[in-house]
Amino acid sequence: MKKLFIAALLVASLSTFAQKKSGVDKALNKMTTELSLTADQQAKLKPLMEEQAALKEETKANPDHAEENKAKAKALGKQINQVFTAEQIELRNSLKEKEKAEKAAKQANAQ
């Protein structure tokens, strides 16, 4: 019975890990398309984005570490921005603003 429980726990953790990975891959693919990232930029961004996703998960699991993780996330954000060109940063900021406006409009329509 104990072995079955451990096996089930292992399968559950692996599937969670795979989902997190696919989320990072999906975000990286979207970013690559929107910002025309080079292969070198993709290679530099992927581990940073994986670390960012792990931080989010860790914050959800341990809310006590939220402030500490917020500081780490800010540092990661700076590292991520260093990978982009000036034009890509400009485009990324405008896309973020557009998404924010669309989200706000959606929420206003829902109410």
PDB file of N, CA and C in Angstrom:
ATOM      1  N   MET A   1       0.829  -1.191   0.000  1.00  0.00           N
ATOM      2  CA  MET A   1       0.000   0.000   0.000  1.00  0.00           C
ATOM      3  C   MET A   1       0.876   1.258   0.000  1.00  0.00           C
ATOM      4  N   LYS A   2       1.931   1.204   0.792  1.00  0.00           N
ATOM      5  CA  LYS A   2       2.834   2.345   0.895  1.00  0.00           C
ATOM      6  C   LYS A   2       3.514   2.619  -0.452  1.00  0.00           C
ATOM      7  N   LYS A   3       3.910   1.552  -1.155  1.00  0.00           N
ATOM      8  CA  LYS A   3       4.564   1.706  -2.456  1.00  0.00           C
ATOM      9  C   LYS A   3       3.600   2.301  -3.469  1.00  0.00           C
ATOM     10  N   LEU A   4       2.345   1.895  -3.405  1.00  0.00           N
ATOM     11  CA  LEU A   4       1.332   2.422  -4.318  1.00  0.00           C
ATOM     12  C   LEU A   4       1.150   3.921  -4.093  1.00  0.00           C
ATOM     13  N   PHE A   5       1.100   4.322  -2.836  1.00  0.00           N
ATOM     14  CA  PHE A   5       0.950   5.732  -2.494  1.00  0.00           C
ATOM     15  C   PHE A   5       2.143   6.548  -3.015  1.00  0.00           C
ATOM     16  N   ILE A   6       3.335   6.031  -2.822  1.00  0.00           N
ATOM     17  CA  ILE A   6       4.543   6.723  -3.286  1.00  0.00           C
ATOM     18  C   ILE A   6       4.554   6.827  -4.808  1.00  0.00           C
ATOM     19  N   ALA A   7       4.143   5.755  -5.480  1.00  0.00           N
ATOM     20  CA  ALA A   7       4.088   5.764  -6.948  1.00  0.00           C
ATOM     21  C   ALA A   7       3.076   6.798  -7.430  1.00  0.00           C
ATOM     22  N   ALA A   8       1.910   6.865  -6.789  1.00  0.00           N
ATOM     23  CA  ALA A   8       0.890   7.835  -7.177  1.00  0.00           C
ATOM     24  C   ALA A   8       1.393   9.262  -6.958  1.00  0.00           C
ATOM     25  N   LEU A   9       2.077   9.470  -5.861  1.00  0.00           N
ATOM     26  CA  LEU A   9       2.634  10.781  -5.562  1.00  0.00           C
ATOM     27  C   LEU A   9       3.683  11.185  -6.604  1.00  0.00           C
ATOM     28  N   LEU A  10       4.499  10.256  -6.999  1.00  0.00           N
ATOM     29  CA  LEU A  10       5.518  10.508  -8.013  1.00  0.00           C
ATOM     30  C   LEU A  10       4.881  10.877  -9.352  1.00  0.00           C
ATOM     31  N   VAL A  11       3.869  10.137  -9.761  1.00  0.00           N
ATOM     32  CA  VAL A  11       3.180  10.419 -11.023  1.00  0.00           C
ATOM     33  C   VAL A  11       2.546  11.808 -10.981  1.00  0.00           C
ATOM     34  N   ALA A  12       1.910  12.144  -9.868  1.00  0.00           N
ATOM     35  CA  ALA A  12       1.270  13.457  -9.732  1.00  0.00           C
ATOM     36  C   ALA A  12       2.299  14.585  -9.812  1.00  0.00           C
ATOM     37  N   SER A  13       3.432  14.409  -9.159  1.00  0.00           N
ATOM     38  CA  SER A  13       4.448  15.465  -9.187  1.00  0.00           C
ATOM     39  C   SER A  13       5.071  15.601 -10.569  1.00  0.00           C
ATOM     40  N   LEU A  14       5.268  14.508 -11.265  1.00  0.00           N
ATOM     41  CA  LEU A  14       5.827  14.571 -12.616  1.00  0.00           C
ATOM     42  C   LEU A  14       4.869  15.251 -13.577  1.00  0.00           C
ATOM     43  N   SER A  15       3.584  14.978 -13.444  1.00  0.00           N
ATOM     44  CA  SER A  15       2.616  15.614 -14.345  1.00  0.00           C
ATOM     45  C   SER A  15       2.542  17.111 -14.059  1.00  0.00           C
ATOM     46  N   THR A  16       2.648  17.512 -12.812  1.00  0.00           N
ATOM     47  CA  THR A  16       2.667  18.932 -12.464  1.00  0.00           C
ATOM     48  C   THR A  16       3.902  19.587 -13.059  1.00  0.00           C
ATOM     49  N   PHE A  17       5.039  18.925 -12.953  1.00  0.00           N
ATOM     50  CA  PHE A  17       6.280  19.445 -13.523  1.00  0.00           C
ATOM     51  C   PHE A  17       6.150  19.602 -15.032  1.00  0.00           C
ATOM     52  N   ALA A  18       5.560  18.618 -15.697  1.00  0.00           N
ATOM     53  CA  ALA A  18       5.389  18.670 -17.149  1.00  0.00           C
ATOM     54  C   ALA A  18       4.465  19.822 -17.542  1.00  0.00           C
ATOM     55  N   GLN A  19       3.421  20.066 -16.762  1.00  0.00           N
ATOM     56  CA  GLN A  19       2.511  21.155 -17.063  1.00  0.00           C
ATOM     57  C   GLN A  19       3.223  22.495 -16.913  1.00  0.00           C
ATOM     58  N   LYS A  20       4.035  22.633 -15.888  1.00  0.00           N
ATOM     59  CA  LYS A  20       4.775  23.875 -15.678  1.00  0.00           C
ATOM     60  C   LYS A  20       5.722  24.106 -16.844  1.00  0.00           C
ATOM     61  N   LYS A  21       6.394  23.056 -17.263  1.00  0.00           N
ATOM     62  CA  LYS A  21       7.315  23.155 -18.385  1.00  0.00           C
ATOM     63  C   LYS A  21       6.571  23.618 -19.639  1.00  0.00           C
ATOM     64  N   SER A  22       5.414  23.004 -19.903  1.00  0.00           N
ATOM     65  CA  SER A  22       4.688  23.361 -21.114  1.00  0.00           C
ATOM     66  C   SER A  22       4.199  24.806 -21.032  1.00  0.00           C
ATOM     67  N   GLY A  23       3.900  25.294 -19.823  1.00  0.00           N
ATOM     68  CA  GLY A  23       3.509  26.690 -19.655  1.00  0.00           C
ATOM     69  C   GLY A  23       4.643  27.627 -20.016  1.00  0.00           C
ATOM     70  N   VAL A  24       5.840  27.289 -19.601  1.00  0.00           N
ATOM     71  CA  VAL A  24       7.022  28.089 -19.941  1.00  0.00           C
ATOM     72  C   VAL A  24       7.266  28.023 -21.448  1.00  0.00           C
ATOM     73  N   ASP A  25       7.170  26.829 -22.013  1.00  0.00           N
ATOM     74  CA  ASP A  25       7.376  26.682 -23.452  1.00  0.00           C
ATOM     75  C   ASP A  25       6.348  27.481 -24.245  1.00  0.00           C
ATOM     76  N   LYS A  26       5.106  27.426 -23.780  1.00  0.00           N
ATOM     77  CA  LYS A  26       4.036  28.167 -24.457  1.00  0.00           C
ATOM     78  C   LYS A  26       4.306  29.672 -24.405  1.00  0.00           C
ATOM     79  N   ALA A  27       4.690  30.163 -23.235  1.00  0.00           N
ATOM     80  CA  ALA A  27       4.991  31.590 -23.077  1.00  0.00           C
ATOM     81  C   ALA A  27       6.196  31.998 -23.922  1.00  0.00           C
ATOM     82  N   LEU A  28       7.203  31.131 -23.955  1.00  0.00           N
ATOM     83  CA  LEU A  28       8.397  31.432 -24.746  1.00  0.00           C
ATOM     84  C   LEU A  28       8.062  31.445 -26.240  1.00  0.00           C
ATOM     85  N   ASN A  29       7.234  30.517 -26.686  1.00  0.00           N
ATOM     86  CA  ASN A  29       6.821  30.492 -28.098  1.00  0.00           C
ATOM     87  C   ASN A  29       6.051  31.755 -28.461  1.00  0.00           C
ATOM     88  N   LYS A  30       5.158  32.176 -27.560  1.00  0.00           N
ATOM     89  CA  LYS A  30       4.384  33.397 -27.804  1.00  0.00           C
ATOM     90  C   LYS A  30       5.319  34.599 -27.892  1.00  0.00           C
ATOM     91  N   MET A  31       6.259  34.663 -26.954  1.00  0.00           N
ATOM     92  CA  MET A  31       7.208  35.765 -26.929  1.00  0.00           C
ATOM     93  C   MET A  31       8.084  35.757 -28.187  1.00  0.00           C
ATOM     94  N   THR A  32       8.479  34.561 -28.609  1.00  0.00           N
ATOM     95  CA  THR A  32       9.311  34.428 -29.810  1.00  0.00           C
ATOM     96  C   THR A  32       8.569  34.969 -31.025  1.00  0.00           C
ATOM     97  N   THR A  33       7.303  34.629 -31.136  1.00  0.00           N
ATOM     98  CA  THR A  33       6.496  35.085 -32.267  1.00  0.00           C
ATOM     99  C   THR A  33       6.282  36.598 -32.217  1.00  0.00           C
ATOM    100  N   GLU A  34       5.890  37.096 -31.048  1.00  0.00           N
ATOM    101  CA  GLU A  34       5.561  38.517 -30.925  1.00  0.00           C
ATOM    102  C   GLU A  34       6.780  39.425 -31.041  1.00  0.00           C
ATOM    103  N   LEU A  35       7.912  38.984 -30.492  1.00  0.00           N
ATOM    104  CA  LEU A  35       9.090  39.852 -30.426  1.00  0.00           C
ATOM    105  C   LEU A  35      10.200  39.463 -31.392  1.00  0.00           C
ATOM    106  N   SER A  36       9.970  38.419 -32.174  1.00  0.00           N
ATOM    107  CA  SER A  36      10.985  37.923 -33.120  1.00  0.00           C
ATOM    108  C   SER A  36      12.306  37.640 -32.413  1.00  0.00           C
ATOM    109  N   LEU A  37      12.230  36.797 -31.395  1.00  0.00           N
ATOM    110  CA  LEU A  37      13.434  36.456 -30.636  1.00  0.00           C
ATOM    111  C   LEU A  37      14.376  35.593 -31.468  1.00  0.00           C
ATOM    112  N   THR A  38      15.661  35.774 -31.253  1.00  0.00           N
ATOM    113  CA  THR A  38      16.657  34.927 -31.902  1.00  0.00           C
ATOM    114  C   THR A  38      16.785  33.631 -31.097  1.00  0.00           C
ATOM    115  N   ALA A  39      17.440  32.647 -31.673  1.00  0.00           N
ATOM    116  CA  ALA A  39      17.663  31.380 -30.967  1.00  0.00           C
ATOM    117  C   ALA A  39      18.503  31.612 -29.705  1.00  0.00           C
ATOM    118  N   ASP A  40      19.455  32.525 -29.793  1.00  0.00           N
ATOM    119  CA  ASP A  40      20.293  32.844 -28.636  1.00  0.00           C
ATOM    120  C   ASP A  40      19.456  33.462 -27.509  1.00  0.00           C
ATOM    121  N   GLN A  41      18.564  34.367 -27.872  1.00  0.00           N
ATOM    122  CA  GLN A  41      17.694  34.982 -26.870  1.00  0.00           C
ATOM    123  C   GLN A  41      16.788  33.934 -26.218  1.00  0.00           C
ATOM    124  N   GLN A  42      16.259  33.028 -27.032  1.00  0.00           N
ATOM    125  CA  GLN A  42      15.398  31.964 -26.505  1.00  0.00           C
ATOM    126  C   GLN A  42      16.165  31.110 -25.503  1.00  0.00           C
ATOM    127  N   ALA A  43      17.394  30.770 -25.845  1.00  0.00           N
ATOM    128  CA  ALA A  43      18.218  29.937 -24.968  1.00  0.00           C
ATOM    129  C   ALA A  43      18.513  30.639 -23.650  1.00  0.00           C
ATOM    130  N   LYS A  44      18.690  31.948 -23.697  1.00  0.00           N
ATOM    131  CA  LYS A  44      18.961  32.709 -22.475  1.00  0.00           C
ATOM    132  C   LYS A  44      17.688  32.886 -21.633  1.00  0.00           C
ATOM    133  N   LEU A  45      16.552  33.049 -22.301  1.00  0.00           N
ATOM    134  CA  LEU A  45      15.301  33.325 -21.599  1.00  0.00           C
ATOM    135  C   LEU A  45      14.691  32.097 -20.929  1.00  0.00           C
ATOM    136  N   LYS A  46      14.819  30.945 -21.554  1.00  0.00           N
ATOM    137  CA  LYS A  46      14.128  29.760 -21.042  1.00  0.00           C
ATOM    138  C   LYS A  46      14.469  29.448 -19.577  1.00  0.00           C
ATOM    139  N   PRO A  47      15.750  29.377 -19.187  1.00  0.00           N
ATOM    140  CA  PRO A  47      16.022  29.079 -17.774  1.00  0.00           C
ATOM    141  C   PRO A  47      15.523  30.179 -16.832  1.00  0.00           C
ATOM    142  N   LEU A  48      15.559  31.430 -17.288  1.00  0.00           N
ATOM    143  CA  LEU A  48      15.058  32.528 -16.460  1.00  0.00           C
ATOM    144  C   LEU A  48      13.545  32.411 -16.269  1.00  0.00           C
ATOM    145  N   MET A  49      12.854  32.055 -17.336  1.00  0.00           N
ATOM    146  CA  MET A  49      11.402  31.903 -17.255  1.00  0.00           C
ATOM    147  C   MET A  49      11.018  30.681 -16.411  1.00  0.00           C
ATOM    148  N   GLU A  50      11.822  29.629 -16.504  1.00  0.00           N
ATOM    149  CA  GLU A  50      11.567  28.449 -15.668  1.00  0.00           C
ATOM    150  C   GLU A  50      11.749  28.792 -14.194  1.00  0.00           C
ATOM    151  N   GLU A  51      12.769  29.584 -13.901  1.00  0.00           N
ATOM    152  CA  GLU A  51      13.000  30.007 -12.518  1.00  0.00           C
ATOM    153  C   GLU A  51      11.858  30.899 -12.033  1.00  0.00           C
ATOM    154  N   GLN A  52      11.369  31.744 -12.922  1.00  0.00           N
ATOM    155  CA  GLN A  52      10.243  32.619 -12.601  1.00  0.00           C
ATOM    156  C   GLN A  52       8.989  31.790 -12.292  1.00  0.00           C
ATOM    157  N   ALA A  53       8.731  30.762 -13.096  1.00  0.00           N
ATOM    158  CA  ALA A  53       7.576  29.885 -12.871  1.00  0.00           C
ATOM    159  C   ALA A  53       7.715  29.135 -11.548  1.00  0.00           C
ATOM    160  N   ALA A  54       8.921  28.688 -11.248  1.00  0.00           N
ATOM    161  CA  ALA A  54       9.166  27.984  -9.989  1.00  0.00           C
ATOM    162  C   ALA A  54       8.938  28.916  -8.795  1.00  0.00           C
ATOM    163  N   LEU A  55       9.317  30.171  -8.941  1.00  0.00           N
ATOM    164  CA  LEU A  55       9.092  31.153  -7.881  1.00  0.00           C
ATOM    165  C   LEU A  55       7.600  31.360  -7.626  1.00  0.00           C
ATOM    166  N   LYS A  56       6.835  31.436  -8.712  1.00  0.00           N
ATOM    167  CA  LYS A  56       5.386  31.598  -8.575  1.00  0.00           C
ATOM    168  C   LYS A  56       4.780  30.410  -7.846  1.00  0.00           C
ATOM    169  N   GLU A  57       5.204  29.218  -8.223  1.00  0.00           N
ATOM    170  CA  GLU A  57       4.703  28.005  -7.570  1.00  0.00           C
ATOM    171  C   GLU A  57       5.091  27.985  -6.096  1.00  0.00           C
ATOM    172  N   GLU A  58       6.314  28.381  -5.818  1.00  0.00           N
ATOM    173  CA  GLU A  58       6.806  28.379  -4.439  1.00  0.00           C
ATOM    174  C   GLU A  58       6.036  29.394  -3.593  1.00  0.00           C
ATOM    175  N   THR A  59       5.697  30.527  -4.197  1.00  0.00           N
ATOM    176  CA  THR A  59       4.935  31.548  -3.487  1.00  0.00           C
ATOM    177  C   THR A  59       3.522  31.052  -3.185  1.00  0.00           C
ATOM    178  N   LYS A  60       2.926  30.334  -4.143  1.00  0.00           N
ATOM    179  CA  LYS A  60       1.594  29.760  -3.906  1.00  0.00           C
ATOM    180  C   LYS A  60       1.641  28.736  -2.787  1.00  0.00           C
ATOM    181  N   ALA A  61       2.677  27.916  -2.782  1.00  0.00           N
ATOM    182  CA  ALA A  61       2.807  26.860  -1.781  1.00  0.00           C
ATOM    183  C   ALA A  61       3.172  27.414  -0.403  1.00  0.00           C
ATOM    184  N   ASN A  62       3.981  28.466  -0.380  1.00  0.00           N
ATOM    185  CA  ASN A  62       4.445  29.061   0.888  1.00  0.00           C
ATOM    186  C   ASN A  62       4.236  30.572   0.869  1.00  0.00           C
ATOM    187  N   PRO A  63       3.032  31.026   1.156  1.00  0.00           N
ATOM    188  CA  PRO A  63       2.768  32.471   1.126  1.00  0.00           C
ATOM    189  C   PRO A  63       3.654  33.277   2.086  1.00  0.00           C
ATOM    190  N   ASP A  64       4.239  32.607   3.074  1.00  0.00           N
ATOM    191  CA  ASP A  64       5.129  33.299   4.018  1.00  0.00           C
ATOM    192  C   ASP A  64       6.336  33.897   3.307  1.00  0.00           C
ATOM    193  N   HIS A  65       6.718  33.304   2.186  1.00  0.00           N
ATOM    194  CA  HIS A  65       7.915  33.752   1.459  1.00  0.00           C
ATOM    195  C   HIS A  65       7.584  34.751   0.348  1.00  0.00           C
ATOM    196  N   ALA A  66       6.383  35.279   0.345  1.00  0.00           N
ATOM    197  CA  ALA A  66       5.939  36.148  -0.749  1.00  0.00           C
ATOM    198  C   ALA A  66       6.845  37.366  -0.936  1.00  0.00           C
ATOM    199  N   GLU A  67       7.193  38.031   0.145  1.00  0.00           N
ATOM    200  CA  GLU A  67       8.029  39.239   0.029  1.00  0.00           C
ATOM    201  C   GLU A  67       9.420  38.908  -0.498  1.00  0.00           C
ATOM    202  N   GLU A  68       9.992  37.843   0.010  1.00  0.00           N
ATOM    203  CA  GLU A  68      11.319  37.410  -0.441  1.00  0.00           C
ATOM    204  C   GLU A  68      11.273  37.037  -1.924  1.00  0.00           C
ATOM    205  N   ASN A  69      10.228  36.307  -2.308  1.00  0.00           N
ATOM    206  CA  ASN A  69      10.090  35.883  -3.703  1.00  0.00           C
ATOM    207  C   ASN A  69       9.798  37.058  -4.625  1.00  0.00           C
ATOM    208  N   LYS A  70       9.118  38.069  -4.094  1.00  0.00           N
ATOM    209  CA  LYS A  70       8.842  39.264  -4.889  1.00  0.00           C
ATOM    210  C   LYS A  70      10.154  39.952  -5.274  1.00  0.00           C
ATOM    211  N   ALA A  71      11.073  40.017  -4.335  1.00  0.00           N
ATOM    212  CA  ALA A  71      12.384  40.625  -4.613  1.00  0.00           C
ATOM    213  C   ALA A  71      13.156  39.795  -5.639  1.00  0.00           C
ATOM    214  N   LYS A  72      13.082  38.469  -5.495  1.00  0.00           N
ATOM    215  CA  LYS A  72      13.753  37.583  -6.461  1.00  0.00           C
ATOM    216  C   LYS A  72      13.135  37.742  -7.850  1.00  0.00           C
ATOM    217  N   ALA A  73      11.802  37.850  -7.896  1.00  0.00           N
ATOM    218  CA  ALA A  73      11.104  37.997  -9.177  1.00  0.00           C
ATOM    219  C   ALA A  73      11.485  39.306  -9.861  1.00  0.00           C
ATOM    220  N   LYS A  74      11.645  40.341  -9.061  1.00  0.00           N
ATOM    221  CA  LYS A  74      12.049  41.641  -9.616  1.00  0.00           C
ATOM    222  C   LYS A  74      13.442  41.544 -10.233  1.00  0.00           C
ATOM    223  N   ALA A  75      14.349  40.864  -9.540  1.00  0.00           N
ATOM    224  CA  ALA A  75      15.708  40.672 -10.065  1.00  0.00           C
ATOM    225  C   ALA A  75      15.675  39.840 -11.346  1.00  0.00           C
ATOM    226  N   LEU A  76      14.827  38.818 -11.354  1.00  0.00           N
ATOM    227  CA  LEU A  76      14.691  37.995 -12.562  1.00  0.00           C
ATOM    228  C   LEU A  76      14.147  38.824 -13.720  1.00  0.00           C
ATOM    229  N   GLY A  77      13.196  39.691 -13.427  1.00  0.00           N
ATOM    230  CA  GLY A  77      12.636  40.565 -14.456  1.00  0.00           C
ATOM    231  C   GLY A  77      13.700  41.444 -15.092  1.00  0.00           C
ATOM    232  N   LYS A  78      14.610  41.939 -14.255  1.00  0.00           N
ATOM    233  CA  LYS A  78      15.712  42.758 -14.776  1.00  0.00           C
ATOM    234  C   LYS A  78      16.621  41.925 -15.675  1.00  0.00           C
ATOM    235  N   GLN A  79      16.897  40.689 -15.257  1.00  0.00           N
ATOM    236  CA  GLN A  79      17.733  39.802 -16.078  1.00  0.00           C
ATOM    237  C   GLN A  79      17.055  39.509 -17.408  1.00  0.00           C
ATOM    238  N   ILE A  80      15.757  39.286 -17.355  1.00  0.00           N
ATOM    239  CA  ILE A  80      14.998  38.999 -18.586  1.00  0.00           C
ATOM    240  C   ILE A  80      15.061  40.199 -19.518  1.00  0.00           C
ATOM    241  N   ASN A  81      14.869  41.396 -18.983  1.00  0.00           N
ATOM    242  CA  ASN A  81      14.899  42.595 -19.825  1.00  0.00           C
ATOM    243  C   ASN A  81      16.258  42.817 -20.468  1.00  0.00           C
ATOM    244  N   GLN A  82      17.332  42.348 -19.837  1.00  0.00           N
ATOM    245  CA  GLN A  82      18.666  42.507 -20.409  1.00  0.00           C
ATOM    246  C   GLN A  82      18.865  41.665 -21.665  1.00  0.00           C
ATOM    247  N   VAL A  83      18.032  40.661 -21.834  1.00  0.00           N
ATOM    248  CA  VAL A  83      18.147  39.785 -23.008  1.00  0.00           C
ATOM    249  C   VAL A  83      17.579  40.468 -24.253  1.00  0.00           C
ATOM    250  N   PHE A  84      16.595  41.347 -24.058  1.00  0.00           N
ATOM    251  CA  PHE A  84      15.910  41.995 -25.174  1.00  0.00           C
ATOM    252  C   PHE A  84      16.681  43.187 -25.724  1.00  0.00           C
ATOM    253  N   THR A  85      16.421  43.482 -27.001  1.00  0.00           N
ATOM    254  CA  THR A  85      16.929  44.713 -27.600  1.00  0.00           C
ATOM    255  C   THR A  85      16.005  45.852 -27.179  1.00  0.00           C
ATOM    256  N   ALA A  86      16.415  47.079 -27.419  1.00  0.00           N
ATOM    257  CA  ALA A  86      15.590  48.240 -27.067  1.00  0.00           C
ATOM    258  C   ALA A  86      14.244  48.191 -27.793  1.00  0.00           C
ATOM    259  N   GLU A  87      14.258  47.792 -29.056  1.00  0.00           N
ATOM    260  CA  GLU A  87      13.024  47.713 -29.836  1.00  0.00           C
ATOM    261  C   GLU A  87      12.091  46.644 -29.277  1.00  0.00           C
ATOM    262  N   GLN A  88      12.669  45.517 -28.856  1.00  0.00           N
ATOM    263  CA  GLN A  88      11.865  44.441 -28.291  1.00  0.00           C
ATOM    264  C   GLN A  88      11.241  44.854 -26.963  1.00  0.00           C
ATOM    265  N   ILE A  89      11.978  45.603 -26.170  1.00  0.00           N
ATOM    266  CA  ILE A  89      11.440  46.090 -24.897  1.00  0.00           C
ATOM    267  C   ILE A  89      10.259  47.032 -25.153  1.00  0.00           C
ATOM    268  N   GLU A  90      10.426  47.914 -26.122  1.00  0.00           N
ATOM    269  CA  GLU A  90       9.360  48.845 -26.486  1.00  0.00           C
ATOM    270  C   GLU A  90       8.112  48.086 -26.942  1.00  0.00           C
ATOM    271  N   LEU A  91       8.315  47.111 -27.819  1.00  0.00           N
ATOM    272  CA  LEU A  91       7.213  46.315 -28.340  1.00  0.00           C
ATOM    273  C   LEU A  91       6.558  45.504 -27.223  1.00  0.00           C
ATOM    274  N   ARG A  92       7.362  44.933 -26.362  1.00  0.00           N
ATOM    275  CA  ARG A  92       6.843  44.135 -25.241  1.00  0.00           C
ATOM    276  C   ARG A  92       5.984  44.997 -24.317  1.00  0.00           C
ATOM    277  N   ASN A  93       6.455  46.204 -24.025  1.00  0.00           N
ATOM    278  CA  ASN A  93       5.687  47.106 -23.168  1.00  0.00           C
ATOM    279  C   ASN A  93       4.362  47.499 -23.807  1.00  0.00           C
ATOM    280  N   SER A  94       4.373  47.750 -25.105  1.00  0.00           N
ATOM    281  CA  SER A  94       3.126  48.125 -25.779  1.00  0.00           C
ATOM    282  C   SER A  94       2.164  46.934 -25.821  1.00  0.00           C
ATOM    283  N   LEU A  95       2.675  45.721 -26.003  1.00  0.00           N
ATOM    284  CA  LEU A  95       1.821  44.532 -25.985  1.00  0.00           C
ATOM    285  C   LEU A  95       1.227  44.302 -24.600  1.00  0.00           C
ATOM    286  N   LYS A  96       2.022  44.544 -23.558  1.00  0.00           N
ATOM    287  CA  LYS A  96       1.514  44.417 -22.178  1.00  0.00           C
ATOM    288  C   LYS A  96       0.388  45.402 -21.927  1.00  0.00           C
ATOM    289  N   GLU A  97       0.567  46.636 -22.383  1.00  0.00           N
ATOM    290  CA  GLU A  97      -0.472  47.658 -22.198  1.00  0.00           C
ATOM    291  C   GLU A  97      -1.748  47.269 -22.945  1.00  0.00           C
ATOM    292  N   LYS A  98      -1.585  46.756 -24.142  1.00  0.00           N
ATOM    293  CA  LYS A  98      -2.746  46.327 -24.948  1.00  0.00           C
ATOM    294  C   LYS A  98      -3.494  45.193 -24.236  1.00  0.00           C
ATOM    295  N   GLU A  99      -2.742  44.206 -23.722  1.00  0.00           N
ATOM    296  CA  GLU A  99      -3.358  43.081 -23.007  1.00  0.00           C
ATOM    297  C   GLU A  99      -4.067  43.567 -21.746  1.00  0.00           C
ATOM    298  N   LYS A 100      -3.454  44.522 -21.043  1.00  0.00           N
ATOM    299  CA  LYS A 100      -4.048  45.076 -19.828  1.00  0.00           C
ATOM    300  C   LYS A 100      -5.377  45.759 -20.156  1.00  0.00           C
ATOM    301  N   ALA A 101      -5.396  46.528 -21.244  1.00  0.00           N
ATOM    302  CA  ALA A 101      -6.608  47.241 -21.653  1.00  0.00           C
ATOM    303  C   ALA A 101      -7.703  46.252 -22.060  1.00  0.00           C
ATOM    304  N   GLU A 102      -7.318  45.196 -22.786  1.00  0.00           N
ATOM    305  CA  GLU A 102      -8.294  44.181 -23.197  1.00  0.00           C
ATOM    306  C   GLU A 102      -8.872  43.461 -21.986  1.00  0.00           C
ATOM    307  N   LYS A 103      -8.024  43.170 -21.005  1.00  0.00           N
ATOM    308  CA  LYS A 103      -8.474  42.484 -19.787  1.00  0.00           C
ATOM    309  C   LYS A 103      -9.434  43.378 -19.006  1.00  0.00           C
ATOM    310  N   ALA A 104      -9.124  44.664 -18.917  1.00  0.00           N
ATOM    311  CA  ALA A 104      -9.986  45.606 -18.202  1.00  0.00           C
ATOM    312  C   ALA A 104     -11.339  45.742 -18.901  1.00  0.00           C
ATOM    313  N   ALA A 105     -11.312  45.767 -20.231  1.00  0.00           N
ATOM    314  CA  ALA A 105     -12.558  45.878 -20.997  1.00  0.00           C
ATOM    315  C   ALA A 105     -13.411  44.624 -20.806  1.00  0.00           C
ATOM    316  N   LYS A 106     -12.758  43.462 -20.780  1.00  0.00           N
ATOM    317  CA  LYS A 106     -13.470  42.211 -20.563  1.00  0.00           C
ATOM    318  C   LYS A 106     -14.139  42.193 -19.192  1.00  0.00           C
ATOM    319  N   GLN A 107     -13.410  42.632 -18.184  1.00  0.00           N
ATOM    320  CA  GLN A 107     -13.956  42.662 -16.829  1.00  0.00           C
ATOM    321  C   GLN A 107     -15.101  43.652 -16.725  1.00  0.00           C
ATOM    322  N   ALA A 108     -15.002  44.776 -17.409  1.00  0.00           N
ATOM    323  CA  ALA A 108     -16.072  45.769 -17.389  1.00  0.00           C
ATOM    324  C   ALA A 108     -17.328  45.224 -18.062  1.00  0.00           C
ATOM    325  N   ASN A 109     -17.147  44.458 -19.132  1.00  0.00           N
ATOM    326  CA  ASN A 109     -18.294  43.867 -19.841  1.00  0.00           C
ATOM    327  C   ASN A 109     -18.943  42.752 -19.023  1.00  0.00           C
ATOM    328  N   ALA A 110     -18.151  42.081 -18.216  1.00  0.00           N
ATOM    329  CA  ALA A 110     -18.668  40.966 -17.397  1.00  0.00           C
ATOM    330  C   ALA A 110     -19.534  41.478 -16.255  1.00  0.00           C
ATOM    331  N   GLN A 111     -19.323  42.712 -15.855  1.00  0.00           N
ATOM    332  CA  GLN A 111     -20.085  43.259 -14.728  1.00  0.00           C
ATOM    333  C   GLN A 111     -21.259  43.994 -15.212  1.00  0.00           C
TER     334      GLN A 111
END
